[in-house]
Amino acid sequence: MTSSAKLYVVDKIENLGNYAEVSPYFAKVIEFLKSHDHNALPKGKNEVDGSNSWVNGVEIELIPLAERKPELHKKYFDIHIPLKYDEVMGVAPFDPKAEGSFNEADDIGFYAQTVEPITVKVGEFAIVWPETCSHSPACTPDEKKLQKKLIAKVLA
């Protein structure tokens, strides 16, 4: 397990149940993920618990870290689960002085901020804390490629 307090955690998918206490809404997402074949989940929003939690099936191009602007969420944790390729994510404590803007309706902001790379391997997950962690998901250290992944959104 790799972690930075209140920023992110990276761990093996079989250990996801150890994080049920992170939010009152984590248990339902964990149960959903345990009871479904990750590779069979369709693209788009898979309902779990209304606006409290859901799992997005995503296909996204992995690009170099320098090309992906860091994002921040205020209301929701992200749980990133790469399915096809190991994935690099940039992470850093959110800098409130960083240039950028936040869209309250979509709970996402993009900021000009330096992040440090971490790797999330297939068979692992990364939990990203809201309000504290700027992160650049879906990156690669080498050639661009199409990633299949899940991103669970869980109300904090």
C-alpha atoms as a PDB file:
ATOM      1  CA  MET A   1       0.000   0.000   0.000  1.00  0.00           C
ATOM      2  CA  THR A   2       1.195   3.482  -0.890  1.00  0.00           C
ATOM      3  CA  SER A   3      -0.466   6.484   0.698  1.00  0.00           C
ATOM      4  CA  SER A   4      -0.163  10.087   1.614  1.00  0.00           C
ATOM      5  CA  ALA A   5      -2.487  11.070   4.479  1.00  0.00           C
ATOM      6  CA  LYS A   6      -5.718  12.657   3.257  1.00  0.00           C
ATOM      7  CA  LEU A   7      -4.431  12.817  -0.339  1.00  0.00           C
ATOM      8  CA  TYR A   8      -4.551   9.357  -1.883  1.00  0.00           C
ATOM      9  CA  VAL A   9      -4.034   5.661  -1.307  1.00  0.00           C
ATOM     10  CA  VAL A  10      -2.910   2.944  -3.741  1.00  0.00           C
ATOM     11  CA  ASP A  11      -3.539  -0.685  -2.809  1.00  0.00           C
ATOM     12  CA  LYS A  12      -4.412  -4.092  -4.262  1.00  0.00           C
ATOM     13  CA  ILE A  13      -8.008  -4.523  -5.397  1.00  0.00           C
ATOM     14  CA  GLU A  14      -8.539  -7.416  -2.971  1.00  0.00           C
ATOM     15  CA  ASN A  15      -7.880  -4.956  -0.106  1.00  0.00           C
ATOM     16  CA  LEU A  16     -10.571  -2.466  -1.137  1.00  0.00           C
ATOM     17  CA  GLY A  17     -12.836  -3.703   1.679  1.00  0.00           C
ATOM     18  CA  ASN A  18     -10.306  -2.353   4.190  1.00  0.00           C
ATOM     19  CA  TYR A  19     -11.395   1.182   3.240  1.00  0.00           C
ATOM     20  CA  ALA A  20     -15.125   0.862   3.980  1.00  0.00           C
ATOM     21  CA  GLU A  21     -14.845   3.357   6.852  1.00  0.00           C
ATOM     22  CA  VAL A  22     -13.435   6.177   4.686  1.00  0.00           C
ATOM     23  CA  SER A  23     -16.944   7.466   3.925  1.00  0.00           C
ATOM     24  CA  PRO A  24     -20.450   6.349   4.946  1.00  0.00           C
ATOM     25  CA  TYR A  25     -21.047   5.513   1.269  1.00  0.00           C
ATOM     26  CA  PHE A  26     -17.958   3.375   0.585  1.00  0.00           C
ATOM     27  CA  ALA A  27     -19.494   0.075   1.740  1.00  0.00           C
ATOM     28  CA  LYS A  28     -22.118   0.019  -1.046  1.00  0.00           C
ATOM     29  CA  VAL A  29     -19.525   0.793  -3.728  1.00  0.00           C
ATOM     30  CA  ILE A  30     -17.204  -1.882  -2.369  1.00  0.00           C
ATOM     31  CA  GLU A  31     -20.032  -4.442  -2.390  1.00  0.00           C
ATOM     32  CA  PHE A  32     -20.970  -3.434  -5.960  1.00  0.00           C
ATOM     33  CA  LEU A  33     -17.370  -3.816  -7.128  1.00  0.00           C
ATOM     34  CA  LYS A  34     -16.985  -7.184  -5.370  1.00  0.00           C
ATOM     35  CA  SER A  35     -20.182  -8.535  -6.947  1.00  0.00           C
ATOM     36  CA  HIS A  36     -19.568  -7.445 -10.564  1.00  0.00           C
ATOM     37  CA  ASP A  37     -17.061  -8.469 -13.215  1.00  0.00           C
ATOM     38  CA  HIS A  38     -15.100  -5.236 -13.697  1.00  0.00           C
ATOM     39  CA  ASN A  39     -14.323  -5.945 -17.347  1.00  0.00           C
ATOM     40  CA  ALA A  40     -17.999  -6.649 -18.118  1.00  0.00           C
ATOM     41  CA  LEU A  41     -19.362  -3.373 -16.720  1.00  0.00           C
ATOM     42  CA  PRO A  42     -20.631  -1.164 -19.537  1.00  0.00           C
ATOM     43  CA  LYS A  43     -19.214   2.235 -20.409  1.00  0.00           C
ATOM     44  CA  GLY A  44     -20.994   5.097 -18.726  1.00  0.00           C
ATOM     45  CA  LYS A  45     -22.666   5.472 -15.356  1.00  0.00           C
ATOM     46  CA  ASN A  46     -23.474   2.304 -13.397  1.00  0.00           C
ATOM     47  CA  GLU A  47     -25.838   3.238 -10.549  1.00  0.00           C
ATOM     48  CA  VAL A  48     -24.926   2.127  -7.041  1.00  0.00           C
ATOM     49  CA  ASP A  49     -26.612   4.450  -4.509  1.00  0.00           C
ATOM     50  CA  GLY A  50     -28.218   7.367  -6.349  1.00  0.00           C
ATOM     51  CA  SER A  51     -26.249  10.604  -6.006  1.00  0.00           C
ATOM     52  CA  ASN A  52     -24.213   9.107  -3.138  1.00  0.00           C
ATOM     53  CA  SER A  53     -22.168   6.762  -5.339  1.00  0.00           C
ATOM     54  CA  TRP A  54     -21.836   5.254  -8.807  1.00  0.00           C
ATOM     55  CA  VAL A  55     -19.225   3.566 -10.976  1.00  0.00           C
ATOM     56  CA  ASN A  56     -18.278   4.965 -14.391  1.00  0.00           C
ATOM     57  CA  GLY A  57     -17.014   2.567 -17.024  1.00  0.00           C
ATOM     58  CA  VAL A  58     -14.507   4.583 -19.054  1.00  0.00           C
ATOM     59  CA  GLU A  59     -12.340   4.236 -22.134  1.00  0.00           C
ATOM     60  CA  ILE A  60      -9.795   7.052 -22.191  1.00  0.00           C
ATOM     61  CA  GLU A  61      -6.546   7.680 -23.980  1.00  0.00           C
ATOM     62  CA  LEU A  62      -3.514   7.469 -21.708  1.00  0.00           C
ATOM     63  CA  ILE A  63      -1.334  10.499 -22.430  1.00  0.00           C
ATOM     64  CA  PRO A  64       1.933  11.860 -20.995  1.00  0.00           C
ATOM     65  CA  LEU A  65       1.569  13.393 -17.537  1.00  0.00           C
ATOM     66  CA  ALA A  66       2.721  16.826 -18.771  1.00  0.00           C
ATOM     67  CA  GLU A  67      -0.264  16.924 -21.152  1.00  0.00           C
ATOM     68  CA  ARG A  68      -2.996  16.318 -18.529  1.00  0.00           C
ATOM     69  CA  LYS A  69      -4.066  19.282 -16.367  1.00  0.00           C
ATOM     70  CA  PRO A  70      -4.562  18.351 -12.691  1.00  0.00           C
ATOM     71  CA  GLU A  71      -8.131  18.146 -11.453  1.00  0.00           C
ATOM     72  CA  LEU A  72      -9.775  18.510  -8.055  1.00  0.00           C
ATOM     73  CA  HIS A  73     -13.113  17.413  -6.604  1.00  0.00           C
ATOM     74  CA  LYS A  74     -14.798  18.909  -3.548  1.00  0.00           C
ATOM     75  CA  LYS A  75     -17.732  16.561  -2.855  1.00  0.00           C
ATOM     76  CA  TYR A  76     -16.694  13.147  -4.131  1.00  0.00           C
ATOM     77  CA  PHE A  77     -13.866  10.688  -3.619  1.00  0.00           C
ATOM     78  CA  ASP A  78     -12.568   9.078  -6.810  1.00  0.00           C
ATOM     79  CA  ILE A  79     -11.648   5.400  -6.866  1.00  0.00           C
ATOM     80  CA  HIS A  80      -9.590   4.712 -10.017  1.00  0.00           C
ATOM     81  CA  ILE A  81      -9.318   1.087 -11.157  1.00  0.00           C
ATOM     82  CA  PRO A  82      -7.216   0.506 -14.301  1.00  0.00           C
ATOM     83  CA  LEU A  83      -8.334  -2.589 -16.200  1.00  0.00           C
ATOM     84  CA  LYS A  84      -6.197  -2.809 -19.326  1.00  0.00           C
ATOM     85  CA  TYR A  85      -2.839  -1.091 -18.643  1.00  0.00           C
ATOM     86  CA  ASP A  86      -0.883   0.112 -15.637  1.00  0.00           C
ATOM     87  CA  GLU A  87      -1.553   3.824 -15.283  1.00  0.00           C
ATOM     88  CA  VAL A  88       0.481   6.782 -14.129  1.00  0.00           C
ATOM     89  CA  MET A  89      -1.329   9.404 -12.059  1.00  0.00           C
ATOM     90  CA  GLY A  90       0.039  12.716 -10.973  1.00  0.00           C
ATOM     91  CA  VAL A  91      -0.785  13.669  -7.377  1.00  0.00           C
ATOM     92  CA  ALA A  92      -0.084  16.643  -5.131  1.00  0.00           C
ATOM     93  CA  PRO A  93      -1.630  18.525  -2.239  1.00  0.00           C
ATOM     94  CA  PHE A  94      -4.108  20.995  -3.710  1.00  0.00           C
ATOM     95  CA  ASP A  95      -2.676  24.505  -3.908  1.00  0.00           C
ATOM     96  CA  PRO A  96      -5.558  26.978  -3.441  1.00  0.00           C
ATOM     97  CA  LYS A  97      -3.363  29.666  -5.047  1.00  0.00           C
ATOM     98  CA  ALA A  98      -3.048  27.643  -8.280  1.00  0.00           C
ATOM     99  CA  GLU A  99      -4.561  29.192 -11.366  1.00  0.00           C
ATOM    100  CA  GLY A 100      -7.740  27.477 -12.485  1.00  0.00           C
ATOM    101  CA  SER A 101     -11.486  27.285 -12.064  1.00  0.00           C
ATOM    102  CA  PHE A 102     -14.034  25.009 -10.424  1.00  0.00           C
ATOM    103  CA  ASN A 103     -17.390  23.847 -11.825  1.00  0.00           C
ATOM    104  CA  GLU A 104     -19.642  23.271  -8.785  1.00  0.00           C
ATOM    105  CA  ALA A 105     -22.385  21.526 -10.794  1.00  0.00           C
ATOM    106  CA  ASP A 106     -19.955  18.877 -12.097  1.00  0.00           C
ATOM    107  CA  ASP A 107     -17.763  18.821  -8.950  1.00  0.00           C
ATOM    108  CA  ILE A 108     -14.565  19.292 -10.915  1.00  0.00           C
ATOM    109  CA  GLY A 109     -11.937  21.955 -11.285  1.00  0.00           C
ATOM    110  CA  PHE A 110      -8.779  22.081 -13.374  1.00  0.00           C
ATOM    111  CA  TYR A 111      -5.689  23.849 -12.073  1.00  0.00           C
ATOM    112  CA  ALA A 112      -2.178  24.707 -13.229  1.00  0.00           C
ATOM    113  CA  GLN A 113      -0.224  22.824 -10.594  1.00  0.00           C
ATOM    114  CA  THR A 114       2.826  20.567 -10.452  1.00  0.00           C
ATOM    115  CA  VAL A 115       2.088  16.936  -9.553  1.00  0.00           C
ATOM    116  CA  GLU A 116       4.340  13.978  -8.797  1.00  0.00           C
ATOM    117  CA  PRO A 117       3.847  10.664 -10.637  1.00  0.00           C
ATOM    118  CA  ILE A 118       2.631   7.479  -8.972  1.00  0.00           C
ATOM    119  CA  THR A 119       1.772   4.189 -10.689  1.00  0.00           C
ATOM    120  CA  VAL A 120      -1.517   2.334 -10.297  1.00  0.00           C
ATOM    121  CA  LYS A 121      -1.161  -1.169 -11.719  1.00  0.00           C
ATOM    122  CA  VAL A 122      -3.822  -3.427 -13.146  1.00  0.00           C
ATOM    123  CA  GLY A 123      -5.112  -5.292 -10.081  1.00  0.00           C
ATOM    124  CA  GLU A 124      -4.769  -2.173  -7.910  1.00  0.00           C
ATOM    125  CA  PHE A 125      -6.884   0.888  -7.199  1.00  0.00           C
ATOM    126  CA  ALA A 126      -6.236   4.469  -6.145  1.00  0.00           C
ATOM    127  CA  ILE A 127      -8.525   6.441  -3.851  1.00  0.00           C
ATOM    128  CA  VAL A 128      -8.223  10.207  -4.280  1.00  0.00           C
ATOM    129  CA  TRP A 129      -9.483  12.429  -1.454  1.00  0.00           C
ATOM    130  CA  PRO A 130     -11.728  15.406  -2.269  1.00  0.00           C
ATOM    131  CA  GLU A 131     -10.591  18.971  -1.493  1.00  0.00           C
ATOM    132  CA  THR A 132      -7.008  17.984  -0.686  1.00  0.00           C
ATOM    133  CA  CYS A 133      -5.627  16.077  -3.693  1.00  0.00           C
ATOM    134  CA  SER A 134      -4.937  17.508  -7.123  1.00  0.00           C
ATOM    135  CA  HIS A 135      -4.593  14.590  -9.485  1.00  0.00           C
ATOM    136  CA  SER A 136      -3.911  13.899 -13.145  1.00  0.00           C
ATOM    137  CA  PRO A 137      -5.349  10.468 -13.964  1.00  0.00           C
ATOM    138  CA  ALA A 138      -5.002   8.437 -17.146  1.00  0.00           C
ATOM    139  CA  CYS A 139      -1.358   9.111 -17.925  1.00  0.00           C
ATOM    140  CA  THR A 140       1.451   6.984 -19.344  1.00  0.00           C
ATOM    141  CA  PRO A 141       5.247   7.203 -19.307  1.00  0.00           C
ATOM    142  CA  ASP A 142       5.464   5.905 -22.880  1.00  0.00           C
ATOM    143  CA  GLU A 143       3.244   5.747 -25.973  1.00  0.00           C
ATOM    144  CA  LYS A 144      -0.387   6.854 -25.973  1.00  0.00           C
ATOM    145  CA  LYS A 145      -2.866   3.990 -25.724  1.00  0.00           C
ATOM    146  CA  LEU A 146      -6.560   3.428 -25.027  1.00  0.00           C
ATOM    147  CA  GLN A 147      -7.191   2.549 -21.379  1.00  0.00           C
ATOM    148  CA  LYS A 148     -10.232   0.730 -20.064  1.00  0.00           C
ATOM    149  CA  LYS A 149     -10.901   1.622 -16.436  1.00  0.00           C
ATOM    150  CA  LEU A 150     -13.502   2.166 -13.748  1.00  0.00           C
ATOM    151  CA  ILE A 151     -13.869   5.366 -11.790  1.00  0.00           C
ATOM    152  CA  ALA A 152     -16.135   5.137  -8.764  1.00  0.00           C
ATOM    153  CA  LYS A 153     -17.522   8.392  -7.403  1.00  0.00           C
ATOM    154  CA  VAL A 154     -18.322   8.314  -3.668  1.00  0.00           C
ATOM    155  CA  LEU A 155     -19.825  11.176  -1.670  1.00  0.00           C
ATOM    156  CA  ALA A 156     -17.492  12.336   1.086  1.00  0.00           C
END
